[in-house]
Amino acid sequence: MQNFAHITDLTLRTTLEGDFDEDSICQSLTITGAALKSDLNNEEVSYKAIAIREQAYDEAMEAWNEAGDAAACIEALRTFWSN
């Protein structure tokens, strides 16, 4: 399993590590969306990293909101926070 020790938000970190419920997934998606928005305004973040993170965020949102698939959502969030 990936290490998410660099994640300071406890809810997000435990969600990425596999301990989650519906509320923690929703909160993690909100935090991830805010991080993506910040990345888009940060010139130090590469276009490649932004593209990977945008795709992962979109996949997480679709998995959760369209399919209700928690496992797919968490995997996409892990991809986001690994890049």
PDB file of N, CA and C in Angstrom:
ATOM      1  N   MET A   1       0.841  -1.188   0.000  1.00  0.00           N
ATOM      2  CA  MET A   1       0.000   0.000   0.000  1.00  0.00           C
ATOM      3  C   MET A   1       0.883   1.248   0.000  1.00  0.00           C
ATOM      4  N   GLN A   2       0.379   2.277  -0.625  1.00  0.00           N
ATOM      5  CA  GLN A   2       1.089   3.547  -0.694  1.00  0.00           C
ATOM      6  C   GLN A   2       1.113   4.215   0.673  1.00  0.00           C
ATOM      7  N   ASN A   3       2.104   5.060   0.870  1.00  0.00           N
ATOM      8  CA  ASN A   3       2.235   5.797   2.114  1.00  0.00           C
ATOM      9  C   ASN A   3       1.694   7.212   1.910  1.00  0.00           C
ATOM     10  N   PHE A   4       0.781   7.618   2.758  1.00  0.00           N
ATOM     11  CA  PHE A   4       0.190   8.942   2.652  1.00  0.00           C
ATOM     12  C   PHE A   4       0.515   9.799   3.872  1.00  0.00           C
ATOM     13  N   ALA A   5       1.690   9.582   4.449  1.00  0.00           N
ATOM     14  CA  ALA A   5       2.103  10.325   5.640  1.00  0.00           C
ATOM     15  C   ALA A   5       2.207  11.829   5.364  1.00  0.00           C
ATOM     16  N   HIS A   6       2.392  12.204   4.102  1.00  0.00           N
ATOM     17  CA  HIS A   6       2.502  13.629   3.759  1.00  0.00           C
ATOM     18  C   HIS A   6       1.150  14.352   3.807  1.00  0.00           C
ATOM     19  N   ILE A   7       0.069  13.625   3.936  1.00  0.00           N
ATOM     20  CA  ILE A   7      -1.272  14.214   4.014  1.00  0.00           C
ATOM     21  C   ILE A   7      -1.516  14.650   5.458  1.00  0.00           C
ATOM     22  N   THR A   8      -1.727  15.945   5.663  1.00  0.00           N
ATOM     23  CA  THR A   8      -1.895  16.456   7.025  1.00  0.00           C
ATOM     24  C   THR A   8      -3.328  16.334   7.536  1.00  0.00           C
ATOM     25  N   ASP A   9      -4.309  16.302   6.651  1.00  0.00           N
ATOM     26  CA  ASP A   9      -5.696  16.168   7.078  1.00  0.00           C
ATOM     27  C   ASP A   9      -5.961  14.713   7.461  1.00  0.00           C
ATOM     28  N   LEU A  10      -6.319  14.488   8.714  1.00  0.00           N
ATOM     29  CA  LEU A  10      -6.493  13.130   9.224  1.00  0.00           C
ATOM     30  C   LEU A  10      -7.607  12.374   8.501  1.00  0.00           C
ATOM     31  N   THR A  11      -8.720  13.030   8.230  1.00  0.00           N
ATOM     32  CA  THR A  11      -9.823  12.355   7.540  1.00  0.00           C
ATOM     33  C   THR A  11      -9.395  11.914   6.148  1.00  0.00           C
ATOM     34  N   LEU A  12      -8.746  12.792   5.420  1.00  0.00           N
ATOM     35  CA  LEU A  12      -8.288  12.453   4.076  1.00  0.00           C
ATOM     36  C   LEU A  12      -7.280  11.311   4.135  1.00  0.00           C
ATOM     37  N   ARG A  13      -6.322  11.400   5.035  1.00  0.00           N
ATOM     38  CA  ARG A  13      -5.293  10.361   5.124  1.00  0.00           C
ATOM     39  C   ARG A  13      -5.906   9.000   5.465  1.00  0.00           C
ATOM     40  N   THR A  14      -6.785   8.941   6.446  1.00  0.00           N
ATOM     41  CA  THR A  14      -7.373   7.646   6.805  1.00  0.00           C
ATOM     42  C   THR A  14      -8.273   7.115   5.688  1.00  0.00           C
ATOM     43  N   THR A  15      -8.922   8.018   4.955  1.00  0.00           N
ATOM     44  CA  THR A  15      -9.728   7.592   3.809  1.00  0.00           C
ATOM     45  C   THR A  15      -8.834   6.951   2.752  1.00  0.00           C
ATOM     46  N   LEU A  16      -7.721   7.593   2.443  1.00  0.00           N
ATOM     47  CA  LEU A  16      -6.789   7.055   1.449  1.00  0.00           C
ATOM     48  C   LEU A  16      -6.192   5.727   1.904  1.00  0.00           C
ATOM     49  N   GLU A  17      -6.061   5.560   3.210  1.00  0.00           N
ATOM     50  CA  GLU A  17      -5.493   4.325   3.755  1.00  0.00           C
ATOM     51  C   GLU A  17      -6.531   3.216   3.880  1.00  0.00           C
ATOM     52  N   GLY A  18      -7.789   3.500   3.539  1.00  0.00           N
ATOM     53  CA  GLY A  18      -8.800   2.463   3.471  1.00  0.00           C
ATOM     54  C   GLY A  18      -9.813   2.441   4.603  1.00  0.00           C
ATOM     55  N   ASP A  19      -9.729   3.383   5.515  1.00  0.00           N
ATOM     56  CA  ASP A  19     -10.690   3.462   6.620  1.00  0.00           C
ATOM     57  C   ASP A  19     -11.632   4.625   6.314  1.00  0.00           C
ATOM     58  N   PHE A  20     -12.800   4.319   5.750  1.00  0.00           N
ATOM     59  CA  PHE A  20     -13.671   5.399   5.280  1.00  0.00           C
ATOM     60  C   PHE A  20     -15.140   5.050   5.446  1.00  0.00           C
ATOM     61  N   ASP A  21     -15.949   6.106   5.404  1.00  0.00           N
ATOM     62  CA  ASP A  21     -17.395   5.980   5.334  1.00  0.00           C
ATOM     63  C   ASP A  21     -17.874   7.031   4.338  1.00  0.00           C
ATOM     64  N   GLU A  22     -19.157   7.123   4.153  1.00  0.00           N
ATOM     65  CA  GLU A  22     -19.708   8.040   3.158  1.00  0.00           C
ATOM     66  C   GLU A  22     -19.290   9.488   3.427  1.00  0.00           C
ATOM     67  N   ASP A  23     -19.362   9.914   4.677  1.00  0.00           N
ATOM     68  CA  ASP A  23     -19.002  11.292   5.015  1.00  0.00           C
ATOM     69  C   ASP A  23     -17.526  11.583   4.745  1.00  0.00           C
ATOM     70  N   SER A  24     -16.658  10.628   5.075  1.00  0.00           N
ATOM     71  CA  SER A  24     -15.228  10.865   4.865  1.00  0.00           C
ATOM     72  C   SER A  24     -14.893  10.901   3.373  1.00  0.00           C
ATOM     73  N   ILE A  25     -15.605  10.129   2.557  1.00  0.00           N
ATOM     74  CA  ILE A  25     -15.388  10.192   1.109  1.00  0.00           C
ATOM     75  C   ILE A  25     -15.799  11.569   0.590  1.00  0.00           C
ATOM     76  N   CYS A  26     -16.953  12.053   1.009  1.00  0.00           N
ATOM     77  CA  CYS A  26     -17.416  13.375   0.568  1.00  0.00           C
ATOM     78  C   CYS A  26     -16.447  14.467   1.005  1.00  0.00           C
ATOM     79  N   GLN A  27     -15.975  14.388   2.240  1.00  0.00           N
ATOM     80  CA  GLN A  27     -15.017  15.381   2.727  1.00  0.00           C
ATOM     81  C   GLN A  27     -13.702  15.286   1.950  1.00  0.00           C
ATOM     82  N   SER A  28     -13.265  14.091   1.657  1.00  0.00           N
ATOM     83  CA  SER A  28     -12.028  13.894   0.901  1.00  0.00           C
ATOM     84  C   SER A  28     -12.146  14.440  -0.515  1.00  0.00           C
ATOM     85  N   LEU A  29     -13.300  14.270  -1.123  1.00  0.00           N
ATOM     86  CA  LEU A  29     -13.517  14.840  -2.460  1.00  0.00           C
ATOM     87  C   LEU A  29     -13.489  16.362  -2.417  1.00  0.00           C
ATOM     88  N   THR A  30     -14.049  16.947  -1.379  1.00  0.00           N
ATOM     89  CA  THR A  30     -14.032  18.406  -1.228  1.00  0.00           C
ATOM     90  C   THR A  30     -12.604  18.912  -1.059  1.00  0.00           C
ATOM     91  N   ILE A  31     -11.835  18.252  -0.218  1.00  0.00           N
ATOM     92  CA  ILE A  31     -10.437  18.641   0.011  1.00  0.00           C
ATOM     93  C   ILE A  31      -9.631  18.489  -1.276  1.00  0.00           C
ATOM     94  N   THR A  32      -9.867  17.412  -1.988  1.00  0.00           N
ATOM     95  CA  THR A  32      -9.147  17.150  -3.231  1.00  0.00           C
ATOM     96  C   THR A  32      -9.491  18.186  -4.291  1.00  0.00           C
ATOM     97  N   GLY A  33     -10.754  18.554  -4.388  1.00  0.00           N
ATOM     98  CA  GLY A  33     -11.161  19.602  -5.333  1.00  0.00           C
ATOM     99  C   GLY A  33     -10.491  20.933  -5.017  1.00  0.00           C
ATOM    100  N   ALA A  34     -10.391  21.266  -3.752  1.00  0.00           N
ATOM    101  CA  ALA A  34      -9.719  22.512  -3.344  1.00  0.00           C
ATOM    102  C   ALA A  34      -8.229  22.455  -3.674  1.00  0.00           C
ATOM    103  N   ALA A  35      -7.625  21.292  -3.486  1.00  0.00           N
ATOM    104  CA  ALA A  35      -6.203  21.134  -3.810  1.00  0.00           C
ATOM    105  C   ALA A  35      -5.972  21.280  -5.307  1.00  0.00           C
ATOM    106  N   LEU A  36      -6.866  20.717  -6.110  1.00  0.00           N
ATOM    107  CA  LEU A  36      -6.748  20.849  -7.563  1.00  0.00           C
ATOM    108  C   LEU A  36      -6.874  22.311  -7.972  1.00  0.00           C
ATOM    109  N   LYS A  37      -7.828  23.008  -7.409  1.00  0.00           N
ATOM    110  CA  LYS A  37      -8.012  24.426  -7.728  1.00  0.00           C
ATOM    111  C   LYS A  37      -6.753  25.213  -7.380  1.00  0.00           C
ATOM    112  N   SER A  38      -6.159  24.893  -6.251  1.00  0.00           N
ATOM    113  CA  SER A  38      -4.916  25.555  -5.852  1.00  0.00           C
ATOM    114  C   SER A  38      -3.784  25.238  -6.830  1.00  0.00           C
ATOM    115  N   ASP A  39      -3.696  23.975  -7.252  1.00  0.00           N
ATOM    116  CA  ASP A  39      -2.668  23.573  -8.218  1.00  0.00           C
ATOM    117  C   ASP A  39      -2.802  24.339  -9.527  1.00  0.00           C
ATOM    118  N   LEU A  40      -4.033  24.536  -9.960  1.00  0.00           N
ATOM    119  CA  LEU A  40      -4.269  25.235 -11.231  1.00  0.00           C
ATOM    120  C   LEU A  40      -3.768  26.675 -11.186  1.00  0.00           C
ATOM    121  N   ASN A  41      -3.691  27.236 -10.001  1.00  0.00           N
ATOM    122  CA  ASN A  41      -3.227  28.608  -9.835  1.00  0.00           C
ATOM    123  C   ASN A  41      -1.774  28.697  -9.393  1.00  0.00           C
ATOM    124  N   ASN A  42      -1.087  27.563  -9.357  1.00  0.00           N
ATOM    125  CA  ASN A  42       0.290  27.516  -8.896  1.00  0.00           C
ATOM    126  C   ASN A  42       1.212  27.236 -10.071  1.00  0.00           C
ATOM    127  N   GLU A  43       2.021  28.215 -10.444  1.00  0.00           N
ATOM    128  CA  GLU A  43       2.908  28.068 -11.592  1.00  0.00           C
ATOM    129  C   GLU A  43       4.003  27.027 -11.371  1.00  0.00           C
ATOM    130  N   GLU A  44       4.248  26.637 -10.134  1.00  0.00           N
ATOM    131  CA  GLU A  44       5.294  25.663  -9.831  1.00  0.00           C
ATOM    132  C   GLU A  44       4.850  24.222 -10.070  1.00  0.00           C
ATOM    133  N   VAL A  45       3.541  24.007 -10.241  1.00  0.00           N
ATOM    134  CA  VAL A  45       3.026  22.658 -10.499  1.00  0.00           C
ATOM    135  C   VAL A  45       3.056  22.437 -12.007  1.00  0.00           C
ATOM    136  N   SER A  46       3.690  21.346 -12.422  1.00  0.00           N
ATOM    137  CA  SER A  46       3.840  21.081 -13.854  1.00  0.00           C
ATOM    138  C   SER A  46       2.499  20.775 -14.517  1.00  0.00           C
ATOM    139  N   TYR A  47       2.460  21.020 -15.824  1.00  0.00           N
ATOM    140  CA  TYR A  47       1.246  20.703 -16.580  1.00  0.00           C
ATOM    141  C   TYR A  47       0.961  19.202 -16.537  1.00  0.00           C
ATOM    142  N   LYS A  48       2.008  18.396 -16.545  1.00  0.00           N
ATOM    143  CA  LYS A  48       1.840  16.945 -16.497  1.00  0.00           C
ATOM    144  C   LYS A  48       1.180  16.532 -15.177  1.00  0.00           C
ATOM    145  N   ALA A  49       1.662  17.079 -14.074  1.00  0.00           N
ATOM    146  CA  ALA A  49       1.083  16.751 -12.765  1.00  0.00           C
ATOM    147  C   ALA A  49      -0.371  17.198 -12.697  1.00  0.00           C
ATOM    148  N   ILE A  50      -0.643  18.381 -13.213  1.00  0.00           N
ATOM    149  CA  ILE A  50      -2.016  18.883 -13.206  1.00  0.00           C
ATOM    150  C   ILE A  50      -2.924  17.982 -14.039  1.00  0.00           C
ATOM    151  N   ALA A  51      -2.450  17.555 -15.192  1.00  0.00           N
ATOM    152  CA  ALA A  51      -3.262  16.686 -16.059  1.00  0.00           C
ATOM    153  C   ALA A  51      -3.583  15.370 -15.355  1.00  0.00           C
ATOM    154  N   ILE A  52      -2.599  14.780 -14.692  1.00  0.00           N
ATOM    155  CA  ILE A  52      -2.815  13.524 -13.970  1.00  0.00           C
ATOM    156  C   ILE A  52      -3.811  13.744 -12.840  1.00  0.00           C
ATOM    157  N   ARG A  53      -3.628  14.829 -12.101  1.00  0.00           N
ATOM    158  CA  ARG A  53      -4.495  15.113 -10.961  1.00  0.00           C
ATOM    159  C   ARG A  53      -5.925  15.442 -11.414  1.00  0.00           C
ATOM    160  N   GLU A  54      -6.061  16.205 -12.501  1.00  0.00           N
ATOM    161  CA  GLU A  54      -7.398  16.511 -13.022  1.00  0.00           C
ATOM    162  C   GLU A  54      -8.138  15.237 -13.415  1.00  0.00           C
ATOM    163  N   GLN A  55      -7.446  14.359 -14.112  1.00  0.00           N
ATOM    164  CA  GLN A  55      -8.077  13.108 -14.542  1.00  0.00           C
ATOM    165  C   GLN A  55      -8.462  12.267 -13.328  1.00  0.00           C
ATOM    166  N   ALA A  56      -7.572  12.177 -12.356  1.00  0.00           N
ATOM    167  CA  ALA A  56      -7.862  11.384 -11.155  1.00  0.00           C
ATOM    168  C   ALA A  56      -9.048  11.967 -10.391  1.00  0.00           C
ATOM    169  N   TYR A  57      -9.095  13.282 -10.275  1.00  0.00           N
ATOM    170  CA  TYR A  57     -10.213  13.918  -9.578  1.00  0.00           C
ATOM    171  C   TYR A  57     -11.522  13.662 -10.320  1.00  0.00           C
ATOM    172  N   ASP A  58     -11.511  13.823 -11.634  1.00  0.00           N
ATOM    173  CA  ASP A  58     -12.716  13.561 -12.431  1.00  0.00           C
ATOM    174  C   ASP A  58     -13.177  12.110 -12.278  1.00  0.00           C
ATOM    175  N   GLU A  59     -12.210  11.183 -12.281  1.00  0.00           N
ATOM    176  CA  GLU A  59     -12.551   9.769 -12.114  1.00  0.00           C
ATOM    177  C   GLU A  59     -13.139   9.500 -10.730  1.00  0.00           C
ATOM    178  N   ALA A  60     -12.567  10.134  -9.713  1.00  0.00           N
ATOM    179  CA  ALA A  60     -13.078   9.953  -8.348  1.00  0.00           C
ATOM    180  C   ALA A  60     -14.505  10.478  -8.237  1.00  0.00           C
ATOM    181  N   MET A  61     -14.743  11.660  -8.784  1.00  0.00           N
ATOM    182  CA  MET A  61     -16.078  12.253  -8.729  1.00  0.00           C
ATOM    183  C   MET A  61     -17.083  11.388  -9.480  1.00  0.00           C
ATOM    184  N   GLU A  62     -16.700  10.919 -10.653  1.00  0.00           N
ATOM    185  CA  GLU A  62     -17.612  10.088 -11.445  1.00  0.00           C
ATOM    186  C   GLU A  62     -17.893   8.767 -10.734  1.00  0.00           C
ATOM    187  N   ALA A  63     -16.848   8.155 -10.194  1.00  0.00           N
ATOM    188  CA  ALA A  63     -17.028   6.872  -9.498  1.00  0.00           C
ATOM    189  C   ALA A  63     -17.977   7.024  -8.324  1.00  0.00           C
ATOM    190  N   TRP A  64     -17.845   8.102  -7.583  1.00  0.00           N
ATOM    191  CA  TRP A  64     -18.678   8.282  -6.394  1.00  0.00           C
ATOM    192  C   TRP A  64     -20.077   8.787  -6.747  1.00  0.00           C
ATOM    193  N   ASN A  65     -20.145   9.847  -7.548  1.00  0.00           N
ATOM    194  CA  ASN A  65     -21.428  10.493  -7.819  1.00  0.00           C
ATOM    195  C   ASN A  65     -22.296   9.770  -8.838  1.00  0.00           C
ATOM    196  N   GLU A  66     -21.672   9.116  -9.801  1.00  0.00           N
ATOM    197  CA  GLU A  66     -22.444   8.450 -10.853  1.00  0.00           C
ATOM    198  C   GLU A  66     -22.667   6.968 -10.553  1.00  0.00           C
ATOM    199  N   ALA A  67     -21.628   6.305 -10.059  1.00  0.00           N
ATOM    200  CA  ALA A  67     -21.717   4.857  -9.874  1.00  0.00           C
ATOM    201  C   ALA A  67     -21.845   4.441  -8.411  1.00  0.00           C
ATOM    202  N   GLY A  68     -21.552   5.360  -7.499  1.00  0.00           N
ATOM    203  CA  GLY A  68     -21.588   4.999  -6.084  1.00  0.00           C
ATOM    204  C   GLY A  68     -20.540   3.958  -5.721  1.00  0.00           C
ATOM    205  N   ASP A  69     -19.451   3.952  -6.473  1.00  0.00           N
ATOM    206  CA  ASP A  69     -18.396   2.955  -6.318  1.00  0.00           C
ATOM    207  C   ASP A  69     -17.284   3.508  -5.426  1.00  0.00           C
ATOM    208  N   ALA A  70     -17.358   3.183  -4.140  1.00  0.00           N
ATOM    209  CA  ALA A  70     -16.388   3.703  -3.181  1.00  0.00           C
ATOM    210  C   ALA A  70     -14.973   3.237  -3.501  1.00  0.00           C
ATOM    211  N   ALA A  71     -14.805   1.984  -3.864  1.00  0.00           N
ATOM    212  CA  ALA A  71     -13.469   1.447  -4.144  1.00  0.00           C
ATOM    213  C   ALA A  71     -12.806   2.181  -5.308  1.00  0.00           C
ATOM    214  N   ALA A  72     -13.544   2.405  -6.380  1.00  0.00           N
ATOM    215  CA  ALA A  72     -12.995   3.118  -7.539  1.00  0.00           C
ATOM    216  C   ALA A  72     -12.698   4.576  -7.183  1.00  0.00           C
ATOM    217  N   CYS A  73     -13.557   5.165  -6.392  1.00  0.00           N
ATOM    218  CA  CYS A  73     -13.350   6.540  -5.951  1.00  0.00           C
ATOM    219  C   CYS A  73     -12.061   6.656  -5.143  1.00  0.00           C
ATOM    220  N   ILE A  74     -11.865   5.758  -4.196  1.00  0.00           N
ATOM    221  CA  ILE A  74     -10.673   5.787  -3.351  1.00  0.00           C
ATOM    222  C   ILE A  74      -9.422   5.558  -4.186  1.00  0.00           C
ATOM    223  N   GLU A  75      -9.475   4.646  -5.134  1.00  0.00           N
ATOM    224  CA  GLU A  75      -8.311   4.407  -5.997  1.00  0.00           C
ATOM    225  C   GLU A  75      -7.948   5.672  -6.786  1.00  0.00           C
ATOM    226  N   ALA A  76      -8.946   6.359  -7.293  1.00  0.00           N
ATOM    227  CA  ALA A  76      -8.679   7.597  -8.034  1.00  0.00           C
ATOM    228  C   ALA A  76      -8.119   8.681  -7.099  1.00  0.00           C
ATOM    229  N   LEU A  77      -8.655   8.759  -5.883  1.00  0.00           N
ATOM    230  CA  LEU A  77      -8.108   9.721  -4.915  1.00  0.00           C
ATOM    231  C   LEU A  77      -6.658   9.381  -4.577  1.00  0.00           C
ATOM    232  N   ARG A  78      -6.355   8.107  -4.454  1.00  0.00           N
ATOM    233  CA  ARG A  78      -4.966   7.692  -4.199  1.00  0.00           C
ATOM    234  C   ARG A  78      -4.050   8.119  -5.333  1.00  0.00           C
ATOM    235  N   THR A  79      -4.531   7.978  -6.555  1.00  0.00           N
ATOM    236  CA  THR A  79      -3.740   8.431  -7.706  1.00  0.00           C
ATOM    237  C   THR A  79      -3.489   9.924  -7.623  1.00  0.00           C
ATOM    238  N   PHE A  80      -4.531  10.680  -7.311  1.00  0.00           N
ATOM    239  CA  PHE A  80      -4.392  12.134  -7.187  1.00  0.00           C
ATOM    240  C   PHE A  80      -3.317  12.483  -6.171  1.00  0.00           C
ATOM    241  N   TRP A  81      -3.407  11.924  -4.990  1.00  0.00           N
ATOM    242  CA  TRP A  81      -2.502  12.306  -3.902  1.00  0.00           C
ATOM    243  C   TRP A  81      -1.136  11.651  -3.998  1.00  0.00           C
ATOM    244  N   SER A  82      -0.934  10.786  -4.977  1.00  0.00           N
ATOM    245  CA  SER A  82       0.378  10.188  -5.211  1.00  0.00           C
ATOM    246  C   SER A  82       1.172  10.975  -6.238  1.00  0.00           C
ATOM    247  N   ASN A  83       0.543  11.947  -6.879  1.00  0.00           N
ATOM    248  CA  ASN A  83       1.200  12.733  -7.932  1.00  0.00           C
ATOM    249  C   ASN A  83       1.298  14.187  -7.568  1.00  0.00           C
TER     250      ASN A  83
END
